[in-house]
Amino acid sequence: GANFMISDQVSIFGEGRIGLPANKQDDQLIVNPIPFSYGLLA
């Protein structure tokens, strides 16, 4: 992401991110119904 300060009180930001399903718990494979995701945000 990137952050740009307009003033001491106001900033604008932009982000690109991915979401990876957490499919392991205590070294055990679990089924995660939420799929891989990706997105942009401002």
Full PDB file with SEQRES, HELIX, SHEET, SSBOND, CRYST1, ORIGX, SCALE, CONECT and MASTER records, all heavy atoms in Angstrom:
SEQRES   1 A   42  GLY ALA ASN PHE MET ILE SER ASP GLN VAL SER ILE PHE          
SEQRES   2 A   42  GLY GLU GLY ARG ILE GLY LEU PRO ALA ASN LYS GLN ASP          
SEQRES   3 A   42  ASP GLN LEU ILE VAL ASN PRO ILE PRO PHE SER TYR GLY          
SEQRES   4 A   42  LEU LEU ALA                                                  
SHEET    1 AA1 3 ALA A   2  MET A   5  0                                        
SHEET    2 AA1 3 SER A  11  GLY A  19 -1                                        
SHEET    3 AA1 3 SER A  37  LEU A  41 -1                                        
SHEET    1 AA2 2 LYS A  24  GLN A  25  0                                        
SHEET    2 AA2 2 GLN A  28  LEU A  29 -1                                        
CRYST1    1.000    1.000    1.000  90.00  90.00  90.00 P 1           1          
ORIGX1      1.000000  0.000000  0.000000        0.00000                         
ORIGX2      0.000000  1.000000  0.000000        0.00000                         
ORIGX3      0.000000  0.000000  1.000000        0.00000                         
SCALE1      1.000000  0.000000  0.000000        0.00000                         
SCALE2      0.000000  1.000000  0.000000        0.00000                         
SCALE3      0.000000  0.000000  1.000000        0.00000                         
ATOM      1  N   GLY A   1       0.817  -1.207   0.000  1.00  0.00           N  
ATOM      2  CA  GLY A   1       0.000   0.000   0.000  1.00  0.00           C  
ATOM      3  C   GLY A   1       0.849   1.254   0.000  1.00  0.00           C  
ATOM      4  O   GLY A   1       2.069   1.213   0.208  1.00  0.00           O  
ATOM      5  N   ALA A   2       0.192   2.367  -0.250  1.00  0.00           N  
ATOM      6  CA  ALA A   2       0.858   3.671  -0.252  1.00  0.00           C  
ATOM      7  C   ALA A   2       0.013   4.658   0.544  1.00  0.00           C  
ATOM      8  O   ALA A   2      -1.219   4.591   0.526  1.00  0.00           O  
ATOM      9  CB  ALA A   2       1.052   4.177  -1.681  1.00  0.00           C  
ATOM     10  N   ASN A   3       0.698   5.559   1.249  1.00  0.00           N  
ATOM     11  CA  ASN A   3       0.025   6.559   2.069  1.00  0.00           C  
ATOM     12  C   ASN A   3       0.534   7.945   1.681  1.00  0.00           C  
ATOM     13  O   ASN A   3       1.744   8.157   1.528  1.00  0.00           O  
ATOM     14  CB  ASN A   3       0.305   6.295   3.549  1.00  0.00           C  
ATOM     15  CG  ASN A   3      -0.447   7.250   4.449  1.00  0.00           C  
ATOM     16  OD1 ASN A   3      -1.647   7.117   4.635  1.00  0.00           O  
ATOM     17  ND2 ASN A   3       0.264   8.220   5.026  1.00  0.00           N  
ATOM     18  N   PHE A   4      -0.392   8.893   1.499  1.00  0.00           N  
ATOM     19  CA  PHE A   4      -0.010  10.257   1.141  1.00  0.00           C  
ATOM     20  C   PHE A   4      -0.691  11.227   2.096  1.00  0.00           C  
ATOM     21  O   PHE A   4      -1.916  11.257   2.208  1.00  0.00           O  
ATOM     22  CB  PHE A   4      -0.417  10.570  -0.303  1.00  0.00           C  
ATOM     23  CG  PHE A   4       0.006  11.930  -0.766  1.00  0.00           C  
ATOM     24  CD1 PHE A   4       1.321  12.185  -1.135  1.00  0.00           C  
ATOM     25  CD2 PHE A   4      -0.907  12.965  -0.812  1.00  0.00           C  
ATOM     26  CE1 PHE A   4       1.709  13.447  -1.542  1.00  0.00           C  
ATOM     27  CE2 PHE A   4      -0.531  14.238  -1.222  1.00  0.00           C  
ATOM     28  CZ  PHE A   4       0.788  14.470  -1.591  1.00  0.00           C  
ATOM     29  N   MET A   5       0.120  12.013   2.827  1.00  0.00           N  
ATOM     30  CA  MET A   5      -0.410  12.965   3.799  1.00  0.00           C  
ATOM     31  C   MET A   5      -0.813  14.265   3.120  1.00  0.00           C  
ATOM     32  O   MET A   5      -0.005  14.910   2.459  1.00  0.00           O  
ATOM     33  CB  MET A   5       0.621  13.240   4.889  1.00  0.00           C  
ATOM     34  CG  MET A   5       0.891  12.068   5.816  1.00  0.00           C  
ATOM     35  SD  MET A   5       1.970  12.528   7.195  1.00  0.00           S  
ATOM     36  CE  MET A   5       0.948  13.756   8.039  1.00  0.00           C  
ATOM     37  N   ILE A   6      -2.057  14.643   3.300  1.00  0.00           N  
ATOM     38  CA  ILE A   6      -2.540  15.926   2.800  1.00  0.00           C  
ATOM     39  C   ILE A   6      -2.310  17.013   3.842  1.00  0.00           C  
ATOM     40  O   ILE A   6      -1.959  18.149   3.519  1.00  0.00           O  
ATOM     41  CB  ILE A   6      -4.035  15.828   2.435  1.00  0.00           C  
ATOM     42  CG1 ILE A   6      -4.230  14.803   1.323  1.00  0.00           C  
ATOM     43  CG2 ILE A   6      -4.586  17.182   2.009  1.00  0.00           C  
ATOM     44  CD1 ILE A   6      -5.673  14.569   0.942  1.00  0.00           C  
ATOM     45  N   SER A   7      -2.524  16.654   5.116  1.00  0.00           N  
ATOM     46  CA  SER A   7      -2.281  17.561   6.234  1.00  0.00           C  
ATOM     47  C   SER A   7      -1.952  16.718   7.459  1.00  0.00           C  
ATOM     48  O   SER A   7      -1.859  15.491   7.372  1.00  0.00           O  
ATOM     49  CB  SER A   7      -3.519  18.432   6.491  1.00  0.00           C  
ATOM     50  OG  SER A   7      -4.591  17.644   6.970  1.00  0.00           O  
ATOM     51  N   ASP A   8      -1.778  17.351   8.609  1.00  0.00           N  
ATOM     52  CA  ASP A   8      -1.491  16.606   9.833  1.00  0.00           C  
ATOM     53  C   ASP A   8      -2.654  15.717  10.255  1.00  0.00           C  
ATOM     54  O   ASP A   8      -2.467  14.763  11.018  1.00  0.00           O  
ATOM     55  CB  ASP A   8      -1.167  17.581  10.973  1.00  0.00           C  
ATOM     56  CG  ASP A   8       0.157  18.283  10.763  1.00  0.00           C  
ATOM     57  OD1 ASP A   8       0.984  17.756   9.991  1.00  0.00           O  
ATOM     58  OD2 ASP A   8       0.362  19.363  11.370  1.00  0.00           O  
ATOM     59  N   GLN A   9      -3.840  16.035   9.773  1.00  0.00           N  
ATOM     60  CA  GLN A   9      -5.016  15.282  10.173  1.00  0.00           C  
ATOM     61  C   GLN A   9      -5.569  14.356   9.103  1.00  0.00           C  
ATOM     62  O   GLN A   9      -6.262  13.383   9.425  1.00  0.00           O  
ATOM     63  CB  GLN A   9      -6.133  16.240  10.614  1.00  0.00           C  
ATOM     64  CG  GLN A   9      -5.865  16.962  11.927  1.00  0.00           C  
ATOM     65  CD  GLN A   9      -7.044  17.809  12.344  1.00  0.00           C  
ATOM     66  OE1 GLN A   9      -7.615  18.532  11.534  1.00  0.00           O  
ATOM     67  NE2 GLN A   9      -7.420  17.714  13.608  1.00  0.00           N  
ATOM     68  N   VAL A  10      -5.265  14.631   7.849  1.00  0.00           N  
ATOM     69  CA  VAL A  10      -5.881  13.889   6.741  1.00  0.00           C  
ATOM     70  C   VAL A  10      -4.819  13.228   5.865  1.00  0.00           C  
ATOM     71  O   VAL A  10      -3.828  13.862   5.489  1.00  0.00           O  
ATOM     72  CB  VAL A  10      -6.762  14.806   5.881  1.00  0.00           C  
ATOM     73  CG1 VAL A  10      -7.407  14.018   4.739  1.00  0.00           C  
ATOM     74  CG2 VAL A  10      -7.839  15.469   6.740  1.00  0.00           C  
ATOM     75  N   SER A  11      -5.043  11.949   5.565  1.00  0.00           N  
ATOM     76  CA  SER A  11      -4.193  11.198   4.645  1.00  0.00           C  
ATOM     77  C   SER A  11      -5.071  10.398   3.701  1.00  0.00           C  
ATOM     78  O   SER A  11      -6.193  10.008   4.049  1.00  0.00           O  
ATOM     79  CB  SER A  11      -3.267  10.239   5.400  1.00  0.00           C  
ATOM     80  OG  SER A  11      -2.401  10.922   6.268  1.00  0.00           O  
ATOM     81  N   ILE A  12      -4.568  10.146   2.512  1.00  0.00           N  
ATOM     82  CA  ILE A  12      -5.238   9.243   1.591  1.00  0.00           C  
ATOM     83  C   ILE A  12      -4.340   8.017   1.401  1.00  0.00           C  
ATOM     84  O   ILE A  12      -3.120   8.106   1.496  1.00  0.00           O  
ATOM     85  CB  ILE A  12      -5.559   9.908   0.241  1.00  0.00           C  
ATOM     86  CG1 ILE A  12      -4.285  10.426  -0.426  1.00  0.00           C  
ATOM     87  CG2 ILE A  12      -6.554  11.028   0.421  1.00  0.00           C  
ATOM     88  CD1 ILE A  12      -4.527  10.991  -1.829  1.00  0.00           C  
ATOM     89  N   PHE A  13      -4.970   6.883   1.149  1.00  0.00           N  
ATOM     90  CA  PHE A  13      -4.190   5.649   1.004  1.00  0.00           C  
ATOM     91  C   PHE A  13      -4.768   4.791  -0.107  1.00  0.00           C  
ATOM     92  O   PHE A  13      -5.935   4.928  -0.492  1.00  0.00           O  
ATOM     93  CB  PHE A  13      -4.177   4.872   2.319  1.00  0.00           C  
ATOM     94  CG  PHE A  13      -5.520   4.358   2.767  1.00  0.00           C  
ATOM     95  CD1 PHE A  13      -5.996   3.112   2.332  1.00  0.00           C  
ATOM     96  CD2 PHE A  13      -6.330   5.118   3.604  1.00  0.00           C  
ATOM     97  CE1 PHE A  13      -7.238   2.645   2.738  1.00  0.00           C  
ATOM     98  CE2 PHE A  13      -7.575   4.647   4.019  1.00  0.00           C  
ATOM     99  CZ  PHE A  13      -8.030   3.410   3.575  1.00  0.00           C  
ATOM    100  N   GLY A  14      -3.924   3.912  -0.617  1.00  0.00           N  
ATOM    101  CA  GLY A  14      -4.343   2.939  -1.615  1.00  0.00           C  
ATOM    102  C   GLY A  14      -3.667   1.611  -1.322  1.00  0.00           C  
ATOM    103  O   GLY A  14      -2.502   1.576  -0.914  1.00  0.00           O  
ATOM    104  N   GLU A  15      -4.389   0.516  -1.506  1.00  0.00           N  
ATOM    105  CA  GLU A  15      -3.853  -0.811  -1.192  1.00  0.00           C  
ATOM    106  C   GLU A  15      -4.241  -1.825  -2.255  1.00  0.00           C  
ATOM    107  O   GLU A  15      -5.323  -1.760  -2.830  1.00  0.00           O  
ATOM    108  CB  GLU A  15      -4.370  -1.311   0.162  1.00  0.00           C  
ATOM    109  CG  GLU A  15      -3.859  -0.548   1.356  1.00  0.00           C  
ATOM    110  CD  GLU A  15      -4.455  -1.047   2.665  1.00  0.00           C  
ATOM    111  OE1 GLU A  15      -5.294  -1.978   2.633  1.00  0.00           O  
ATOM    112  OE2 GLU A  15      -4.086  -0.502   3.715  1.00  0.00           O  
ATOM    113  N   GLY A  16      -3.330  -2.761  -2.500  1.00  0.00           N  
ATOM    114  CA  GLY A  16      -3.619  -3.950  -3.277  1.00  0.00           C  
ATOM    115  C   GLY A  16      -3.296  -5.143  -2.388  1.00  0.00           C  
ATOM    116  O   GLY A  16      -2.230  -5.198  -1.779  1.00  0.00           O  
ATOM    117  N   ARG A  17      -4.223  -6.086  -2.298  1.00  0.00           N  
ATOM    118  CA  ARG A  17      -4.016  -7.184  -1.360  1.00  0.00           C  
ATOM    119  C   ARG A  17      -4.615  -8.479  -1.884  1.00  0.00           C  
ATOM    120  O   ARG A  17      -5.448  -8.487  -2.771  1.00  0.00           O  
ATOM    121  CB  ARG A  17      -4.615  -6.871   0.003  1.00  0.00           C  
ATOM    122  CG  ARG A  17      -6.130  -6.713   0.015  1.00  0.00           C  
ATOM    123  CD  ARG A  17      -6.659  -6.668   1.436  1.00  0.00           C  
ATOM    124  NE  ARG A  17      -6.127  -5.551   2.193  1.00  0.00           N  
ATOM    125  CZ  ARG A  17      -6.003  -5.534   3.520  1.00  0.00           C  
ATOM    126  NH1 ARG A  17      -6.353  -6.592   4.222  1.00  0.00           N  
ATOM    127  NH2 ARG A  17      -5.543  -4.477   4.141  1.00  0.00           N  
ATOM    128  N   ILE A  18      -4.111  -9.569  -1.315  1.00  0.00           N  
ATOM    129  CA  ILE A  18      -4.659 -10.886  -1.593  1.00  0.00           C  
ATOM    130  C   ILE A  18      -5.088 -11.518  -0.271  1.00  0.00           C  
ATOM    131  O   ILE A  18      -4.581 -11.161   0.797  1.00  0.00           O  
ATOM    132  CB  ILE A  18      -3.651 -11.804  -2.311  1.00  0.00           C  
ATOM    133  CG1 ILE A  18      -2.382 -11.989  -1.453  1.00  0.00           C  
ATOM    134  CG2 ILE A  18      -3.312 -11.258  -3.681  1.00  0.00           C  
ATOM    135  CD1 ILE A  18      -1.401 -12.994  -2.027  1.00  0.00           C  
ATOM    136  N   GLY A  19      -6.035 -12.451  -0.348  1.00  0.00           N  
ATOM    137  CA  GLY A  19      -6.496 -13.182   0.820  1.00  0.00           C  
ATOM    138  C   GLY A  19      -6.307 -14.671   0.592  1.00  0.00           C  
ATOM    139  O   GLY A  19      -6.916 -15.251  -0.312  1.00  0.00           O  
ATOM    140  N   LEU A  20      -5.431 -15.286   1.376  1.00  0.00           N  
ATOM    141  CA  LEU A  20      -5.140 -16.705   1.223  1.00  0.00           C  
ATOM    142  C   LEU A  20      -5.913 -17.503   2.264  1.00  0.00           C  
ATOM    143  O   LEU A  20      -5.786 -17.227   3.466  1.00  0.00           O  
ATOM    144  CB  LEU A  20      -3.637 -16.963   1.397  1.00  0.00           C  
ATOM    145  CG  LEU A  20      -2.700 -16.215   0.427  1.00  0.00           C  
ATOM    146  CD1 LEU A  20      -1.253 -16.409   0.847  1.00  0.00           C  
ATOM    147  CD2 LEU A  20      -2.908 -16.734  -0.986  1.00  0.00           C  
ATOM    148  N   PRO A  21      -6.698 -18.488   1.861  1.00  0.00           N  
ATOM    149  CA  PRO A  21      -7.432 -19.304   2.846  1.00  0.00           C  
ATOM    150  C   PRO A  21      -6.460 -20.021   3.779  1.00  0.00           C  
ATOM    151  O   PRO A  21      -5.483 -20.618   3.327  1.00  0.00           O  
ATOM    152  CB  PRO A  21      -8.209 -20.299   1.981  1.00  0.00           C  
ATOM    153  CG  PRO A  21      -8.261 -19.677   0.618  1.00  0.00           C  
ATOM    154  CD  PRO A  21      -7.006 -18.879   0.477  1.00  0.00           C  
ATOM    155  N   ALA A  22      -6.712 -19.926   5.079  1.00  0.00           N  
ATOM    156  CA  ALA A  22      -5.890 -20.632   6.061  1.00  0.00           C  
ATOM    157  C   ALA A  22      -6.402 -22.065   6.152  1.00  0.00           C  
ATOM    158  O   ALA A  22      -7.405 -22.340   6.817  1.00  0.00           O  
ATOM    159  CB  ALA A  22      -5.966 -19.937   7.418  1.00  0.00           C  
ATOM    160  N   ASN A  23      -5.703 -22.992   5.465  1.00  0.00           N  
ATOM    161  CA  ASN A  23      -6.185 -24.370   5.356  1.00  0.00           C  
ATOM    162  C   ASN A  23      -5.483 -25.341   6.290  1.00  0.00           C  
ATOM    163  O   ASN A  23      -5.665 -26.553   6.174  1.00  0.00           O  
ATOM    164  CB  ASN A  23      -6.017 -24.873   3.924  1.00  0.00           C  
ATOM    165  CG  ASN A  23      -6.966 -24.177   2.968  1.00  0.00           C  
ATOM    166  OD1 ASN A  23      -8.110 -23.932   3.310  1.00  0.00           O  
ATOM    167  ND2 ASN A  23      -6.491 -23.835   1.793  1.00  0.00           N  
ATOM    168  N   LYS A  24      -4.655 -24.835   7.210  1.00  0.00           N  
ATOM    169  CA  LYS A  24      -3.979 -25.722   8.150  1.00  0.00           C  
ATOM    170  C   LYS A  24      -4.174 -25.228   9.575  1.00  0.00           C  
ATOM    171  O   LYS A  24      -4.122 -24.035   9.844  1.00  0.00           O  
ATOM    172  CB  LYS A  24      -2.485 -25.832   7.839  1.00  0.00           C  
ATOM    173  CG  LYS A  24      -2.169 -26.812   6.728  1.00  0.00           C  
ATOM    174  CD  LYS A  24      -0.694 -27.130   6.671  1.00  0.00           C  
ATOM    175  CE  LYS A  24      -0.405 -28.216   5.650  1.00  0.00           C  
ATOM    176  NZ  LYS A  24       1.031 -28.575   5.620  1.00  0.00           N  
ATOM    177  N   GLN A  25      -4.372 -26.165  10.482  1.00  0.00           N  
ATOM    178  CA  GLN A  25      -4.517 -25.848  11.898  1.00  0.00           C  
ATOM    179  C   GLN A  25      -3.867 -26.968  12.696  1.00  0.00           C  
ATOM    180  O   GLN A  25      -4.264 -28.128  12.601  1.00  0.00           O  
ATOM    181  CB  GLN A  25      -5.996 -25.717  12.278  1.00  0.00           C  
ATOM    182  CG  GLN A  25      -6.222 -25.350  13.732  1.00  0.00           C  
ATOM    183  CD  GLN A  25      -7.694 -25.138  14.025  1.00  0.00           C  
ATOM    184  OE1 GLN A  25      -8.493 -24.904  13.142  1.00  0.00           O  
ATOM    185  NE2 GLN A  25      -8.049 -25.221  15.284  1.00  0.00           N  
ATOM    186  N   ASP A  26      -2.834 -26.620  13.479  1.00  0.00           N  
ATOM    187  CA  ASP A  26      -2.070 -27.614  14.242  1.00  0.00           C  
ATOM    188  C   ASP A  26      -1.540 -28.711  13.321  1.00  0.00           C  
ATOM    189  O   ASP A  26      -1.621 -29.913  13.616  1.00  0.00           O  
ATOM    190  CB  ASP A  26      -2.930 -28.235  15.352  1.00  0.00           C  
ATOM    191  CG  ASP A  26      -3.369 -27.192  16.378  1.00  0.00           C  
ATOM    192  OD1 ASP A  26      -2.625 -26.223  16.574  1.00  0.00           O  
ATOM    193  OD2 ASP A  26      -4.447 -27.361  16.958  1.00  0.00           O  
ATOM    194  N   ASP A  27      -0.995 -28.284  12.148  1.00  0.00           N  
ATOM    195  CA  ASP A  27      -0.420 -29.202  11.150  1.00  0.00           C  
ATOM    196  C   ASP A  27      -1.448 -30.151  10.540  1.00  0.00           C  
ATOM    197  O   ASP A  27      -1.095 -31.132   9.888  1.00  0.00           O  
ATOM    198  CB  ASP A  27       0.726 -30.020  11.755  1.00  0.00           C  
ATOM    199  CG  ASP A  27       1.908 -29.143  12.133  1.00  0.00           C  
ATOM    200  OD1 ASP A  27       2.115 -28.131  11.454  1.00  0.00           O  
ATOM    201  OD2 ASP A  27       2.605 -29.475  13.110  1.00  0.00           O  
ATOM    202  N   GLN A  28      -2.732 -29.889  10.753  1.00  0.00           N  
ATOM    203  CA  GLN A  28      -3.785 -30.713  10.177  1.00  0.00           C  
ATOM    204  C   GLN A  28      -4.484 -29.935   9.062  1.00  0.00           C  
ATOM    205  O   GLN A  28      -4.815 -28.765   9.229  1.00  0.00           O  
ATOM    206  CB  GLN A  28      -4.814 -31.117  11.248  1.00  0.00           C  
ATOM    207  CG  GLN A  28      -4.244 -31.952  12.376  1.00  0.00           C  
ATOM    208  CD  GLN A  28      -3.781 -33.315  11.907  1.00  0.00           C  
ATOM    209  OE1 GLN A  28      -4.420 -33.943  11.069  1.00  0.00           O  
ATOM    210  NE2 GLN A  28      -2.665 -33.785  12.457  1.00  0.00           N  
ATOM    211  N   LEU A  29      -4.669 -30.596   7.921  1.00  0.00           N  
ATOM    212  CA  LEU A  29      -5.339 -29.956   6.791  1.00  0.00           C  
ATOM    213  C   LEU A  29      -6.833 -29.866   7.075  1.00  0.00           C  
ATOM    214  O   LEU A  29      -7.464 -30.843   7.435  1.00  0.00           O  
ATOM    215  CB  LEU A  29      -5.100 -30.758   5.511  1.00  0.00           C  
ATOM    216  CG  LEU A  29      -5.606 -30.123   4.211  1.00  0.00           C  
ATOM    217  CD1 LEU A  29      -4.847 -28.838   3.927  1.00  0.00           C  
ATOM    218  CD2 LEU A  29      -5.443 -31.102   3.050  1.00  0.00           C  
ATOM    219  N   ILE A  30      -7.379 -28.655   6.935  1.00  0.00           N  
ATOM    220  CA  ILE A  30      -8.802 -28.450   7.156  1.00  0.00           C  
ATOM    221  C   ILE A  30      -9.408 -27.846   5.893  1.00  0.00           C  
ATOM    222  O   ILE A  30      -8.719 -27.214   5.093  1.00  0.00           O  
ATOM    223  CB  ILE A  30      -9.078 -27.528   8.367  1.00  0.00           C  
ATOM    224  CG1 ILE A  30      -8.411 -26.150   8.148  1.00  0.00           C  
ATOM    225  CG2 ILE A  30      -8.599 -28.150   9.654  1.00  0.00           C  
ATOM    226  CD1 ILE A  30      -8.733 -25.151   9.223  1.00  0.00           C  
ATOM    227  N   VAL A  31     -10.690 -28.044   5.718  1.00  0.00           N  
ATOM    228  CA  VAL A  31     -11.382 -27.510   4.550  1.00  0.00           C  
ATOM    229  C   VAL A  31     -11.864 -26.099   4.869  1.00  0.00           C  
ATOM    230  O   VAL A  31     -12.594 -25.881   5.834  1.00  0.00           O  
ATOM    231  CB  VAL A  31     -12.569 -28.401   4.160  1.00  0.00           C  
ATOM    232  CG1 VAL A  31     -13.317 -27.789   2.986  1.00  0.00           C  
ATOM    233  CG2 VAL A  31     -12.085 -29.800   3.804  1.00  0.00           C  
ATOM    234  N   ASN A  32     -11.411 -25.142   4.070  1.00  0.00           N  
ATOM    235  CA  ASN A  32     -11.822 -23.749   4.250  1.00  0.00           C  
ATOM    236  C   ASN A  32     -12.764 -23.383   3.104  1.00  0.00           C  
ATOM    237  O   ASN A  32     -12.353 -23.384   1.945  1.00  0.00           O  
ATOM    238  CB  ASN A  32     -10.592 -22.828   4.247  1.00  0.00           C  
ATOM    239  CG  ASN A  32     -10.914 -21.423   4.702  1.00  0.00           C  
ATOM    240  OD1 ASN A  32     -12.027 -20.949   4.549  1.00  0.00           O  
ATOM    241  ND2 ASN A  32      -9.936 -20.747   5.273  1.00  0.00           N  
ATOM    242  N   PRO A  33     -14.024 -23.077   3.406  1.00  0.00           N  
ATOM    243  CA  PRO A  33     -14.987 -22.798   2.330  1.00  0.00           C  
ATOM    244  C   PRO A  33     -14.782 -21.436   1.664  1.00  0.00           C  
ATOM    245  O   PRO A  33     -15.392 -21.152   0.636  1.00  0.00           O  
ATOM    246  CB  PRO A  33     -16.333 -22.846   3.057  1.00  0.00           C  
ATOM    247  CG  PRO A  33     -16.010 -22.432   4.460  1.00  0.00           C  
ATOM    248  CD  PRO A  33     -14.650 -23.003   4.740  1.00  0.00           C  
ATOM    249  N   ILE A  34     -13.938 -20.583   2.251  1.00  0.00           N  
ATOM    250  CA  ILE A  34     -13.703 -19.254   1.680  1.00  0.00           C  
ATOM    251  C   ILE A  34     -12.580 -19.352   0.653  1.00  0.00           C  
ATOM    252  O   ILE A  34     -11.469 -19.759   0.979  1.00  0.00           O  
ATOM    253  CB  ILE A  34     -13.324 -18.248   2.778  1.00  0.00           C  
ATOM    254  CG1 ILE A  34     -14.358 -18.275   3.914  1.00  0.00           C  
ATOM    255  CG2 ILE A  34     -13.228 -16.841   2.181  1.00  0.00           C  
ATOM    256  CD1 ILE A  34     -15.770 -17.970   3.493  1.00  0.00           C  
ATOM    257  N   PRO A  35     -12.831 -18.982  -0.606  1.00  0.00           N  
ATOM    258  CA  PRO A  35     -11.803 -19.121  -1.645  1.00  0.00           C  
ATOM    259  C   PRO A  35     -10.785 -17.988  -1.626  1.00  0.00           C  
ATOM    260  O   PRO A  35     -10.937 -16.982  -0.916  1.00  0.00           O  
ATOM    261  CB  PRO A  35     -12.620 -19.094  -2.938  1.00  0.00           C  
ATOM    262  CG  PRO A  35     -13.806 -18.249  -2.595  1.00  0.00           C  
ATOM    263  CD  PRO A  35     -14.116 -18.523  -1.150  1.00  0.00           C  
ATOM    264  N   PHE A  36      -9.735 -18.164  -2.420  1.00  0.00           N  
ATOM    265  CA  PHE A  36      -8.713 -17.136  -2.620  1.00  0.00           C  
ATOM    266  C   PHE A  36      -9.354 -15.854  -3.150  1.00  0.00           C  
ATOM    267  O   PHE A  36     -10.259 -15.900  -3.987  1.00  0.00           O  
ATOM    268  CB  PHE A  36      -7.674 -17.663  -3.609  1.00  0.00           C  
ATOM    269  CG  PHE A  36      -6.685 -16.635  -4.081  1.00  0.00           C  
ATOM    270  CD1 PHE A  36      -5.563 -16.341  -3.329  1.00  0.00           C  
ATOM    271  CD2 PHE A  36      -6.890 -15.965  -5.276  1.00  0.00           C  
ATOM    272  CE1 PHE A  36      -4.647 -15.389  -3.775  1.00  0.00           C  
ATOM    273  CE2 PHE A  36      -5.986 -15.026  -5.734  1.00  0.00           C  
ATOM    274  CZ  PHE A  36      -4.858 -14.737  -4.978  1.00  0.00           C  
ATOM    275  N   SER A  37      -8.883 -14.711  -2.656  1.00  0.00           N  
ATOM    276  CA  SER A  37      -9.452 -13.434  -3.091  1.00  0.00           C  
ATOM    277  C   SER A  37      -8.335 -12.426  -3.369  1.00  0.00           C  
ATOM    278  O   SER A  37      -7.195 -12.580  -2.915  1.00  0.00           O  
ATOM    279  CB  SER A  37     -10.399 -12.870  -2.026  1.00  0.00           C  
ATOM    280  OG  SER A  37      -9.689 -12.573  -0.833  1.00  0.00           O  
ATOM    281  N   TYR A  38      -8.689 -11.384  -4.111  1.00  0.00           N  
ATOM    282  CA  TYR A  38      -7.749 -10.303  -4.414  1.00  0.00           C  
ATOM    283  C   TYR A  38      -8.547  -9.027  -4.641  1.00  0.00           C  
ATOM    284  O   TYR A  38      -9.703  -9.079  -5.085  1.00  0.00           O  
ATOM    285  CB  TYR A  38      -6.889 -10.637  -5.641  1.00  0.00           C  
ATOM    286  CG  TYR A  38      -7.686 -10.998  -6.870  1.00  0.00           C  
ATOM    287  CD1 TYR A  38      -8.022 -10.027  -7.833  1.00  0.00           C  
ATOM    288  CD2 TYR A  38      -8.125 -12.294  -7.073  1.00  0.00           C  
ATOM    289  CE1 TYR A  38      -8.760 -10.362  -8.947  1.00  0.00           C  
ATOM    290  CE2 TYR A  38      -8.871 -12.636  -8.193  1.00  0.00           C  
ATOM    291  CZ  TYR A  38      -9.182 -11.678  -9.128  1.00  0.00           C  
ATOM    292  OH  TYR A  38      -9.923 -11.995 -10.243  1.00  0.00           O  
ATOM    293  N   GLY A  39      -7.929  -7.889  -4.315  1.00  0.00           N  
ATOM    294  CA  GLY A  39      -8.682  -6.652  -4.461  1.00  0.00           C  
ATOM    295  C   GLY A  39      -7.834  -5.399  -4.403  1.00  0.00           C  
ATOM    296  O   GLY A  39      -6.648  -5.439  -4.030  1.00  0.00           O  
ATOM    297  N   LEU A  40      -8.443  -4.301  -4.761  1.00  0.00           N  
ATOM    298  CA  LEU A  40      -7.839  -2.974  -4.709  1.00  0.00           C  
ATOM    299  C   LEU A  40      -8.734  -2.069  -3.872  1.00  0.00           C  
ATOM    300  O   LEU A  40      -9.961  -2.183  -3.908  1.00  0.00           O  
ATOM    301  CB  LEU A  40      -7.677  -2.389  -6.116  1.00  0.00           C  
ATOM    302  CG  LEU A  40      -6.746  -3.132  -7.072  1.00  0.00           C  
ATOM    303  CD1 LEU A  40      -6.845  -2.537  -8.474  1.00  0.00           C  
ATOM    304  CD2 LEU A  40      -5.298  -3.065  -6.571  1.00  0.00           C  
ATOM    305  N   LEU A  41      -8.098  -1.171  -3.130  1.00  0.00           N  
ATOM    306  CA  LEU A  41      -8.848  -0.297  -2.225  1.00  0.00           C  
ATOM    307  C   LEU A  41      -8.187   1.069  -2.162  1.00  0.00           C  
ATOM    308  O   LEU A  41      -6.964   1.180  -2.150  1.00  0.00           O  
ATOM    309  CB  LEU A  41      -8.878  -0.920  -0.828  1.00  0.00           C  
ATOM    310  CG  LEU A  41      -9.623  -0.150   0.270  1.00  0.00           C  
ATOM    311  CD1 LEU A  41     -11.125  -0.255   0.050  1.00  0.00           C  
ATOM    312  CD2 LEU A  41      -9.265  -0.718   1.643  1.00  0.00           C  
ATOM    313  N   ALA A  42      -8.994   2.123  -2.130  1.00  0.00           N  
ATOM    314  CA  ALA A  42      -8.510   3.487  -1.938  1.00  0.00           C  
ATOM    315  C   ALA A  42      -9.392   4.154  -0.896  1.00  0.00           C  
ATOM    316  O   ALA A  42     -10.600   3.925  -0.855  1.00  0.00           O  
ATOM    317  CB  ALA A  42      -8.538   4.276  -3.245  1.00  0.00           C  
TER     318      ALA A  42                                                      
MASTER        0    0    0    0    5    0    0    6  317    1    0    4          
END                                                                             
